[in-house]
C-alpha atoms as a PDB file:
ATOM      1  CA  MET A   1       8.794  92.039  76.884  1.00  0.00           C
ATOM      2  CA  LYS A   2       9.052  95.601  78.103  1.00  0.00           C
ATOM      3  CA  HIS A   3      11.393  96.426  81.180  1.00  0.00           C
ATOM      4  CA  GLY A   4       9.704  99.185  83.042  1.00  0.00           C
ATOM      5  CA  ILE A   5       8.715  99.291  86.741  1.00  0.00           C
ATOM      6  CA  ARG A   6       8.765  95.672  87.814  1.00  0.00           C
ATOM      7  CA  THR A   7       5.817  95.164  90.087  1.00  0.00           C
ATOM      8  CA  ILE A   8       4.361  92.216  92.239  1.00  0.00           C
ATOM      9  CA  ILE A   9       0.730  91.960  93.456  1.00  0.00           C
ATOM     10  CA  ALA A  10       0.152  89.965  96.593  1.00  0.00           C
ATOM     11  CA  ASP A  11      -3.434  89.581  97.550  1.00  0.00           C
ATOM     12  CA  ASP A  12      -5.250  86.621  98.946  1.00  0.00           C
ATOM     13  CA  GLU A  13      -8.450  87.726  97.441  1.00  0.00           C
ATOM     14  CA  PRO A  14      -9.265  87.307  93.744  1.00  0.00           C
ATOM     15  CA  ALA A  15     -11.095  90.498  93.550  1.00  0.00           C
ATOM     16  CA  GLY A  16      -8.325  92.450  95.172  1.00  0.00           C
ATOM     17  CA  ARG A  17      -5.693  91.142  92.741  1.00  0.00           C
ATOM     18  CA  ARG A  18      -7.902  91.976  89.807  1.00  0.00           C
ATOM     19  CA  THR A  19      -8.439  95.352  90.939  1.00  0.00           C
ATOM     20  CA  LEU A  20      -4.870  96.104  91.475  1.00  0.00           C
ATOM     21  CA  GLN A  21      -3.907  94.553  87.945  1.00  0.00           C
ATOM     22  CA  MET A  22      -6.405  96.481  86.072  1.00  0.00           C
ATOM     23  CA  LEU A  23      -5.343  99.886  87.670  1.00  0.00           C
ATOM     24  CA  LEU A  24      -1.482  99.125  87.418  1.00  0.00           C
ATOM     25  CA  GLU A  25      -2.238  98.141  83.806  1.00  0.00           C
ATOM     26  CA  GLU A  26      -3.161 101.672  82.959  1.00  0.00           C
ATOM     27  CA  ASP A  27       0.662 102.702  83.435  1.00  0.00           C
ATOM     28  CA  PRO A  28       2.457 101.898  80.421  1.00  0.00           C
ATOM     29  CA  ASP A  29       5.769 102.194  82.584  1.00  0.00           C
ATOM     30  CA  THR A  30       4.691  99.192  84.826  1.00  0.00           C
ATOM     31  CA  ASP A  31       5.501  95.615  84.243  1.00  0.00           C
ATOM     32  CA  ILE A  32       3.451  93.279  86.338  1.00  0.00           C
ATOM     33  CA  VAL A  33       5.988  90.439  86.771  1.00  0.00           C
ATOM     34  CA  ALA A  34       3.865  88.334  89.556  1.00  0.00           C
ATOM     35  CA  THR A  35       0.641  88.081  91.386  1.00  0.00           C
ATOM     36  CA  CYS A  36       0.542  86.096  94.489  1.00  0.00           C
ATOM     37  CA  ARG A  37      -2.087  84.796  96.968  1.00  0.00           C
ATOM     38  CA  SER A  38      -0.154  83.985 100.033  1.00  0.00           C
ATOM     39  CA  GLY A  39       3.018  85.306 102.067  1.00  0.00           C
ATOM     40  CA  LYS A  40       4.987  81.933 100.971  1.00  0.00           C
ATOM     41  CA  GLU A  41       4.202  82.617  97.405  1.00  0.00           C
ATOM     42  CA  THR A  42       5.225  86.232  97.740  1.00  0.00           C
ATOM     43  CA  THR A  43       8.444  85.574  99.349  1.00  0.00           C
ATOM     44  CA  GLU A  44       9.357  83.015  96.542  1.00  0.00           C
ATOM     45  CA  ALA A  45       8.373  85.665  93.864  1.00  0.00           C
ATOM     46  CA  VAL A  46      10.222  88.334  95.103  1.00  0.00           C
ATOM     47  CA  LEU A  47      13.355  86.280  95.354  1.00  0.00           C
ATOM     48  CA  ARG A  48      12.768  85.081  91.975  1.00  0.00           C
ATOM     49  CA  GLN A  49      11.649  88.369  90.371  1.00  0.00           C
ATOM     50  CA  ARG A  50      13.592  90.924  92.239  1.00  0.00           C
ATOM     51  CA  PRO A  51      10.649  93.466  91.719  1.00  0.00           C
ATOM     52  CA  ASP A  52      11.131  97.328  92.231  1.00  0.00           C
ATOM     53  CA  LEU A  53       7.760  97.734  93.630  1.00  0.00           C
ATOM     54  CA  LEU A  54       5.490  95.529  95.839  1.00  0.00           C
ATOM     55  CA  PHE A  55       1.823  95.977  96.498  1.00  0.00           C
ATOM     56  CA  LEU A  56       1.355  93.731  99.615  1.00  0.00           C
ATOM     57  CA  ASP A  57      -1.829  92.477 101.503  1.00  0.00           C
ATOM     58  CA  ILE A  58      -1.262  92.031 105.224  1.00  0.00           C
ATOM     59  CA  GLU A  59      -3.516  89.362 106.532  1.00  0.00           C
ATOM     60  CA  MET A  60      -2.777  86.510 104.121  1.00  0.00           C
ATOM     61  CA  PRO A  61      -2.357  82.602 104.583  1.00  0.00           C
ATOM     62  CA  GLU A  62       1.231  81.250 105.072  1.00  0.00           C
ATOM     63  CA  GLY A  63       2.715  84.405 106.462  1.00  0.00           C
ATOM     64  CA  ASP A  64       1.248  87.746 106.550  1.00  0.00           C
ATOM     65  CA  GLY A  65       2.669  90.916 104.888  1.00  0.00           C
ATOM     66  CA  PHE A  66       5.120  91.854 107.631  1.00  0.00           C
ATOM     67  CA  GLU A  67       6.286  88.135 108.104  1.00  0.00           C
ATOM     68  CA  THR A  68       7.005  88.384 104.186  1.00  0.00           C
ATOM     69  CA  LEU A  69       9.139  91.376 104.400  1.00  0.00           C
ATOM     70  CA  GLU A  70      11.000  90.021 107.442  1.00  0.00           C
ATOM     71  CA  SER A  71      11.828  86.823 105.395  1.00  0.00           C
ATOM     72  CA  LEU A  72      13.533  88.943 102.527  1.00  0.00           C
ATOM     73  CA  PRO A  73      17.186  89.163 102.559  1.00  0.00           C
ATOM     74  CA  HIS A  74      18.878  92.553 103.382  1.00  0.00           C
ATOM     75  CA  ASP A  75      19.640  93.424  99.671  1.00  0.00           C
ATOM     76  CA  VAL A  76      16.313  92.504  98.319  1.00  0.00           C
ATOM     77  CA  LYS A  77      13.822  95.246  99.492  1.00  0.00           C
ATOM     78  CA  PRO A  78      11.396  96.324  97.044  1.00  0.00           C
ATOM     79  CA  VAL A  79       9.329  99.803  97.646  1.00  0.00           C
ATOM     80  CA  VAL A  80       6.167  98.573  99.522  1.00  0.00           C
ATOM     81  CA  VAL A  81       2.539  99.889  99.265  1.00  0.00           C
ATOM     82  CA  PHE A  82       0.385  98.022 101.816  1.00  0.00           C
ATOM     83  CA  VAL A  83      -3.109  97.149 100.599  1.00  0.00           C
ATOM     84  CA  THR A  84      -5.573  96.072 103.488  1.00  0.00           C
ATOM     85  CA  ALA A  85      -9.038  96.363 104.818  1.00  0.00           C
ATOM     86  CA  PHE A  86      -7.767  96.813 108.082  1.00  0.00           C
ATOM     87  CA  ASP A  87      -6.572 100.347 109.682  1.00  0.00           C
ATOM     88  CA  SER A  88      -5.019  98.785 112.760  1.00  0.00           C
ATOM     89  CA  TYR A  89      -1.683  98.057 111.014  1.00  0.00           C
ATOM     90  CA  ALA A  90      -0.908 101.651 109.629  1.00  0.00           C
ATOM     91  CA  VAL A  91       1.599 102.482 112.416  1.00  0.00           C
ATOM     92  CA  GLN A  92       3.577  99.156 111.957  1.00  0.00           C
ATOM     93  CA  ALA A  93       3.528  99.716 107.990  1.00  0.00           C
ATOM     94  CA  PHE A  94       5.148 103.126 108.372  1.00  0.00           C
ATOM     95  CA  GLY A  95       7.371 101.679 110.917  1.00  0.00           C
ATOM     96  CA  VAL A  96       8.945  99.339 108.032  1.00  0.00           C
ATOM     97  CA  GLN A  97       9.002 102.331 105.798  1.00  0.00           C
ATOM     98  CA  ALA A  98       6.124 101.551 103.436  1.00  0.00           C
ATOM     99  CA  ALA A  99       5.642 104.156 100.708  1.00  0.00           C
ATOM    100  CA  ASP A 100       2.054 104.009 101.410  1.00  0.00           C
ATOM    101  CA  TYR A 101      -1.045 102.558 102.860  1.00  0.00           C
ATOM    102  CA  LEU A 102      -3.994 101.764 100.937  1.00  0.00           C
ATOM    103  CA  LEU A 103      -7.134 101.179 102.881  1.00  0.00           C
ATOM    104  CA  LYS A 104      -9.639  99.105 101.094  1.00  0.00           C
ATOM    105  CA  PRO A 105     -11.982 100.078  99.661  1.00  0.00           C
ATOM    106  CA  PHE A 106      -9.979 102.869  97.840  1.00  0.00           C
ATOM    107  CA  SER A 107     -10.936 104.935  95.020  1.00  0.00           C
ATOM    108  CA  ASP A 108      -9.148 105.026  91.716  1.00  0.00           C
ATOM    109  CA  ALA A 109      -7.703 108.703  92.482  1.00  0.00           C
ATOM    110  CA  ARG A 110      -6.485 107.476  95.719  1.00  0.00           C
ATOM    111  CA  PHE A 111      -4.636 104.380  94.284  1.00  0.00           C
ATOM    112  CA  ARG A 112      -2.925 106.743  91.744  1.00  0.00           C
ATOM    113  CA  ALA A 113      -1.765 108.833  94.447  1.00  0.00           C
ATOM    114  CA  ALA A 114      -0.359 105.985  96.262  1.00  0.00           C
ATOM    115  CA  HIS A 115       1.358 104.651  93.044  1.00  0.00           C
ATOM    116  CA  ALA A 116       2.786 108.194  92.195  1.00  0.00           C
ATOM    117  CA  ARG A 117       4.192 108.290  95.964  1.00  0.00           C
ATOM    118  CA  ALA A 118       5.692 104.770  95.591  1.00  0.00           C
ATOM    119  CA  LYS A 119       7.412 105.763  92.074  1.00  0.00           C
ATOM    120  CA  GLU A 120       8.880 108.901  93.583  1.00  0.00           C
ATOM    121  CA  ARG A 121      10.307 106.748  96.368  1.00  0.00           C
ATOM    122  CA  LEU A 122      11.581 104.391  93.636  1.00  0.00           C
ATOM    123  CA  TRP A 123      13.301 107.314  91.946  1.00  0.00           C
ATOM    124  CA  GLN A 124      14.977 108.296  95.074  1.00  0.00           C
ATOM    125  CA  GLN A 125      16.132 105.124  95.638  1.00  0.00           C
ATOM    126  CA  THR A 126      17.707 104.986  92.209  1.00  0.00           C
ATOM    127  CA  ARG A 127      19.548 108.056  92.526  1.00  0.00           C
ATOM    128  CA  VAL A 128      20.952 106.662  95.775  1.00  0.00           C
ATOM    129  CA  ALA A 129      22.092 103.809  94.385  1.00  0.00           C
ATOM    130  CA  THR A 130      23.407 105.525  91.219  1.00  0.00           C
ATOM    131  CA  GLU A 131      25.592 107.457  93.585  1.00  0.00           C
ATOM    132  CA  ARG A 132      26.979 104.493  95.484  1.00  0.00           C
ATOM    133  CA  ALA A 133      27.742 102.800  92.200  1.00  0.00           C
ATOM    134  CA  THR A 134      29.391 105.935  90.895  1.00  0.00           C
ATOM    135  CA  GLY A 135      31.424 106.154  93.616  1.00  0.00           C
ATOM    136  CA  LEU A 136      32.652 102.485  93.461  1.00  0.00           C
ATOM    137  CA  LEU A 137      33.149 103.060  89.720  1.00  0.00           C
ATOM    138  CA  ARG A 138      35.282 105.990  90.287  1.00  0.00           C
ATOM    139  CA  ARG A 139      37.390 104.399  92.719  1.00  0.00           C
ATOM    140  CA  MET A 140      38.020 101.438  90.314  1.00  0.00           C
ATOM    141  CA  GLY A 141      39.023 104.076  87.597  1.00  0.00           C
ATOM    142  CA  GLY A 142      35.498 103.902  85.947  1.00  0.00           C
ATOM    143  CA  GLU A 143      34.251 106.953  83.944  1.00  0.00           C
ATOM    144  CA  ALA A 144      30.377 106.743  84.870  1.00  0.00           C
ATOM    145  CA  THR A 145      28.611 109.488  86.521  1.00  0.00           C
ATOM    146  CA  ALA A 146      25.371 110.039  88.482  1.00  0.00           C
ATOM    147  CA  THR A 147      23.776 111.260  85.164  1.00  0.00           C
ATOM    148  CA  PRO A 148      23.944 109.032  81.785  1.00  0.00           C
ATOM    149  CA  GLN A 149      26.584 110.256  79.509  1.00  0.00           C
ATOM    150  CA  LEU A 150      28.558 108.881  76.579  1.00  0.00           C
ATOM    151  CA  GLY A 151      32.094 109.632  77.637  1.00  0.00           C
ATOM    152  CA  THR A 152      33.200 106.128  77.980  1.00  0.00           C
ATOM    153  CA  PRO A 153      35.673 104.962  75.199  1.00  0.00           C
ATOM    154  CA  ASP A 154      33.643 101.804  74.500  1.00  0.00           C
ATOM    155  CA  LYS A 155      30.789 103.997  73.343  1.00  0.00           C
ATOM    156  CA  ARG A 156      28.254 102.939  76.093  1.00  0.00           C
ATOM    157  CA  LEU A 157      25.399 104.763  77.838  1.00  0.00           C
ATOM    158  CA  ALA A 158      25.244 104.456  81.454  1.00  0.00           C
ATOM    159  CA  ILE A 159      21.684 104.155  82.760  1.00  0.00           C
ATOM    160  CA  PRO A 160      20.605 104.602  86.413  1.00  0.00           C
ATOM    161  CA  THR A 161      18.161 101.895  87.486  1.00  0.00           C
ATOM    162  CA  SER A 162      16.751 100.848  90.888  1.00  0.00           C
ATOM    163  CA  ARG A 163      19.481  98.187  91.076  1.00  0.00           C
ATOM    164  CA  GLY A 164      22.438 100.492  90.263  1.00  0.00           C
ATOM    165  CA  ILE A 165      23.693 101.248  86.783  1.00  0.00           C
ATOM    166  CA  ARG A 166      23.219  99.526  83.644  1.00  0.00           C
ATOM    167  CA  PHE A 167      25.604  99.933  80.887  1.00  0.00           C
ATOM    168  CA  VAL A 168      24.065  99.806  77.202  1.00  0.00           C
ATOM    169  CA  ALA A 169      26.074  99.734  73.884  1.00  0.00           C
ATOM    170  CA  LEU A 170      25.037 102.704  71.548  1.00  0.00           C
ATOM    171  CA  ASP A 171      24.233 100.204  68.782  1.00  0.00           C
ATOM    172  CA  GLU A 172      21.986  98.292  70.971  1.00  0.00           C
ATOM    173  CA  ILE A 173      19.557 101.535  71.334  1.00  0.00           C
ATOM    174  CA  ASP A 174      16.838 101.730  69.173  1.00  0.00           C
ATOM    175  CA  LEU A 175      14.924 104.926  70.257  1.00  0.00           C
ATOM    176  CA  ILE A 176      14.858 107.388  73.085  1.00  0.00           C
ATOM    177  CA  GLU A 177      11.450 108.506  73.632  1.00  0.00           C
ATOM    178  CA  ALA A 178      10.038 111.327  76.038  1.00  0.00           C
ATOM    179  CA  GLN A 179       7.406 110.456  78.425  1.00  0.00           C
ATOM    180  CA  GLY A 180       6.723 113.496  80.577  1.00  0.00           C
ATOM    181  CA  ASP A 181       9.436 114.010  83.072  1.00  0.00           C
ATOM    182  CA  TYR A 182      11.099 110.860  81.930  1.00  0.00           C
ATOM    183  CA  VAL A 183      12.477 109.013  78.910  1.00  0.00           C
ATOM    184  CA  ARG A 184      12.259 105.503  77.738  1.00  0.00           C
ATOM    185  CA  ILE A 185      15.298 104.136  76.258  1.00  0.00           C
ATOM    186  CA  TYR A 186      14.457 101.360  73.908  1.00  0.00           C
ATOM    187  CA  THR A 187      16.964  98.289  73.287  1.00  0.00           C
ATOM    188  CA  GLY A 188      15.456  95.612  71.230  1.00  0.00           C
ATOM    189  CA  ASP A 189      11.878  94.297  72.913  1.00  0.00           C
ATOM    190  CA  ARG A 190      12.828  96.058  76.358  1.00  0.00           C
ATOM    191  CA  PHE A 191      13.245  99.578  77.653  1.00  0.00           C
ATOM    192  CA  GLU A 192      14.482 101.356  80.654  1.00  0.00           C
ATOM    193  CA  LEU A 193      12.739 104.368  82.176  1.00  0.00           C
ATOM    194  CA  VAL A 194      14.817 107.048  83.222  1.00  0.00           C
ATOM    195  CA  ARG A 195      14.233 110.456  84.738  1.00  0.00           C
ATOM    196  CA  GLY A 196      15.429 113.442  82.749  1.00  0.00           C
ATOM    197  CA  PRO A 197      14.508 115.512  79.714  1.00  0.00           C
ATOM    198  CA  ILE A 198      15.080 114.179  76.299  1.00  0.00           C
ATOM    199  CA  GLY A 199      17.101 117.288  75.309  1.00  0.00           C
ATOM    200  CA  ARG A 200      19.827 116.232  77.619  1.00  0.00           C
ATOM    201  CA  PHE A 201      20.112 112.865  76.109  1.00  0.00           C
ATOM    202  CA  GLU A 202      20.159 114.441  72.518  1.00  0.00           C
ATOM    203  CA  ALA A 203      22.914 116.574  73.618  1.00  0.00           C
ATOM    204  CA  GLN A 204      24.951 113.680  74.891  1.00  0.00           C
ATOM    205  CA  LEU A 205      24.469 111.797  71.724  1.00  0.00           C
ATOM    206  CA  SER A 206      25.699 114.570  69.414  1.00  0.00           C
ATOM    207  CA  GLY A 207      27.977 113.489  66.870  1.00  0.00           C
ATOM    208  CA  SER A 208      26.805 109.775  66.932  1.00  0.00           C
ATOM    209  CA  ARG A 209      24.140 108.040  64.758  1.00  0.00           C
ATOM    210  CA  PHE A 210      21.307 109.466  66.481  1.00  0.00           C
ATOM    211  CA  VAL A 211      18.869 112.284  65.159  1.00  0.00           C
ATOM    212  CA  ARG A 212      16.065 114.067  66.816  1.00  0.00           C
ATOM    213  CA  ILE A 213      13.155 113.533  64.376  1.00  0.00           C
ATOM    214  CA  HIS A 214      10.308 114.861  67.006  1.00  0.00           C
ATOM    215  CA  ARG A 215      10.374 116.929  69.985  1.00  0.00           C
ATOM    216  CA  SER A 216       9.733 113.465  71.913  1.00  0.00           C
ATOM    217  CA  ALA A 217      11.823 111.185  69.763  1.00  0.00           C
ATOM    218  CA  VAL A 218      15.595 110.568  69.095  1.00  0.00           C
ATOM    219  CA  VAL A 219      16.177 107.535  66.700  1.00  0.00           C
ATOM    220  CA  HIS A 220      19.342 105.422  65.914  1.00  0.00           C
ATOM    221  CA  LEU A 221      19.910 106.127  61.950  1.00  0.00           C
ATOM    222  CA  ASP A 222      21.051 102.268  61.519  1.00  0.00           C
ATOM    223  CA  GLN A 223      17.650 101.161  63.302  1.00  0.00           C
ATOM    224  CA  LEU A 224      15.534 102.929  60.582  1.00  0.00           C
ATOM    225  CA  ALA A 225      13.820 100.422  58.367  1.00  0.00           C
ATOM    226  CA  GLU A 226      11.831 103.113  56.208  1.00  0.00           C
ATOM    227  CA  ILE A 227      10.293 106.535  56.115  1.00  0.00           C
ATOM    228  CA  GLN A 228       6.545 106.668  55.436  1.00  0.00           C
ATOM    229  CA  ARG A 229       4.472 109.324  53.913  1.00  0.00           C
ATOM    230  CA  CYS A 230       1.056 109.609  55.427  1.00  0.00           C
ATOM    231  CA  PRO A 231      -2.235 110.658  53.717  1.00  0.00           C
ATOM    232  CA  THR A 232      -1.649 113.918  55.502  1.00  0.00           C
ATOM    233  CA  GLY A 233       1.510 114.473  53.990  1.00  0.00           C
ATOM    234  CA  GLU A 234       3.264 113.747  57.227  1.00  0.00           C
ATOM    235  CA  LEU A 235       6.270 111.396  57.675  1.00  0.00           C
ATOM    236  CA  GLU A 236       6.616 108.534  59.897  1.00  0.00           C
ATOM    237  CA  ALA A 237       9.589 106.580  60.739  1.00  0.00           C
ATOM    238  CA  VAL A 238       9.631 103.019  60.798  1.00  0.00           C
ATOM    239  CA  LEU A 239      12.106 101.161  62.790  1.00  0.00           C
ATOM    240  CA  HIS A 240      13.363  97.483  62.527  1.00  0.00           C
ATOM    241  CA  SER A 241      11.644  96.699  65.744  1.00  0.00           C
ATOM    242  CA  GLY A 242       8.332  97.727  64.321  1.00  0.00           C
ATOM    243  CA  ARG A 243       8.093 100.964  66.443  1.00  0.00           C
ATOM    244  CA  ARG A 244       6.887 103.839  64.431  1.00  0.00           C
ATOM    245  CA  CYS A 245       7.718 107.613  65.296  1.00  0.00           C
ATOM    246  CA  LYS A 246       6.366 110.634  63.873  1.00  0.00           C
ATOM    247  CA  VAL A 247       8.555 113.270  62.022  1.00  0.00           C
ATOM    248  CA  SER A 248       8.271 116.784  62.912  1.00  0.00           C
ATOM    249  CA  GLN A 249       8.999 119.557  60.272  1.00  0.00           C
ATOM    250  CA  SER A 250      12.378 120.371  61.889  1.00  0.00           C
ATOM    251  CA  GLY A 251      13.069 116.670  62.388  1.00  0.00           C
ATOM    252  CA  ARG A 252      12.433 116.137  58.688  1.00  0.00           C
ATOM    253  CA  GLU A 253      15.306 118.631  57.923  1.00  0.00           C
ATOM    254  CA  ARG A 254      17.529 116.984  60.578  1.00  0.00           C
ATOM    255  CA  LEU A 255      16.915 113.560  59.230  1.00  0.00           C
ATOM    256  CA  GLY A 256      17.372 114.478  55.688  1.00  0.00           C
ATOM    257  CA  ARG A 257      20.794 116.158  56.419  1.00  0.00           C
ATOM    258  CA  ALA A 258      21.967 113.221  58.276  1.00  0.00           C
ATOM    259  CA  MET A 259      20.724 110.858  55.550  1.00  0.00           C
ATOM    260  CA  GLY A 260      22.189 112.945  52.817  1.00  0.00           C
ATOM    261  CA  HIS A 261      18.496 112.820  51.077  1.00  0.00           C
ATOM    262  CA  GLN A 262      16.126 115.629  50.804  1.00  0.00           C
ATOM    263  CA  LEU A 263      12.754 114.355  52.440  1.00  0.00           C
END
C-alpha cells in the first residue's frame, strides 16, 4: 500500500463520488483512504483515517459539510476542498479557510486547478508543522532540521510530513525517485512524498550505501536484487521490492565503481 497524500471523498451522490475518484486516481501521489455518503460517516472516517486532504460536499444527510468540520477535534484539520452544486455557501466556505470551492458541474481542468491549490496548501502546512517540530526537537536536544538530513548518529532520515517529522532508518529505504518538484522516498510497500530536488538527497546520502543510477533515481545497494540488460543494451536495476529503475550511462559507471564490477 502506498503512502501518498491521504485523501477522503465525501459526497452523498454516487455519481459525484465516482467523478472525484476517477479524477483523483490520475494522480499517482494520491491515496484515497475512504469515500463517504453522509456527514456522520465522514466524521467517523476522518477520525479513523486522519487524512491530509478532504473533498467535501456541503448538503449531505446526517450533518452537512460545515457541521462535519465543526465536529472534528482541533488537532484533526485536513485541507478541505468543498464540492457542491450550490454557489450560496462560497463565503462561508472560505470563512473556514477552505483551499477551494468547486461548483458542480466542473471541468477536469477546473478540478486539477483546485487539486493543485489544495496540494500547495498542504505543503505550506507541512513546512509549518516541520518548523514547529524542529523547534521542539532542538529544545529537547534533537538534531533534526527543517530539511531532511542524515546528521543523526543513529543513521536516520528526517522526513517532513503534514503531521510533523517521520524518522526513517537508512537501511529501510529502498529507493529515492524524482517526481517533478518532489521526491518519493520508498520504504518497503509505502512511500513518502517530499518537496525538493533529488540532488539534495543525493548529497546528504554521500558516503552511505546509496548510488544515483539515473537522473531521477537513487537506490540502496543492499536492496538491489539484480541488474538486467535490456534488448536495447540499456541496463535496468531490479530491487527486492520488485521496483525497476533504468540505469543511465553515468549511473552505470557509478554503480560499477560502488559494486567493484565493470557493467
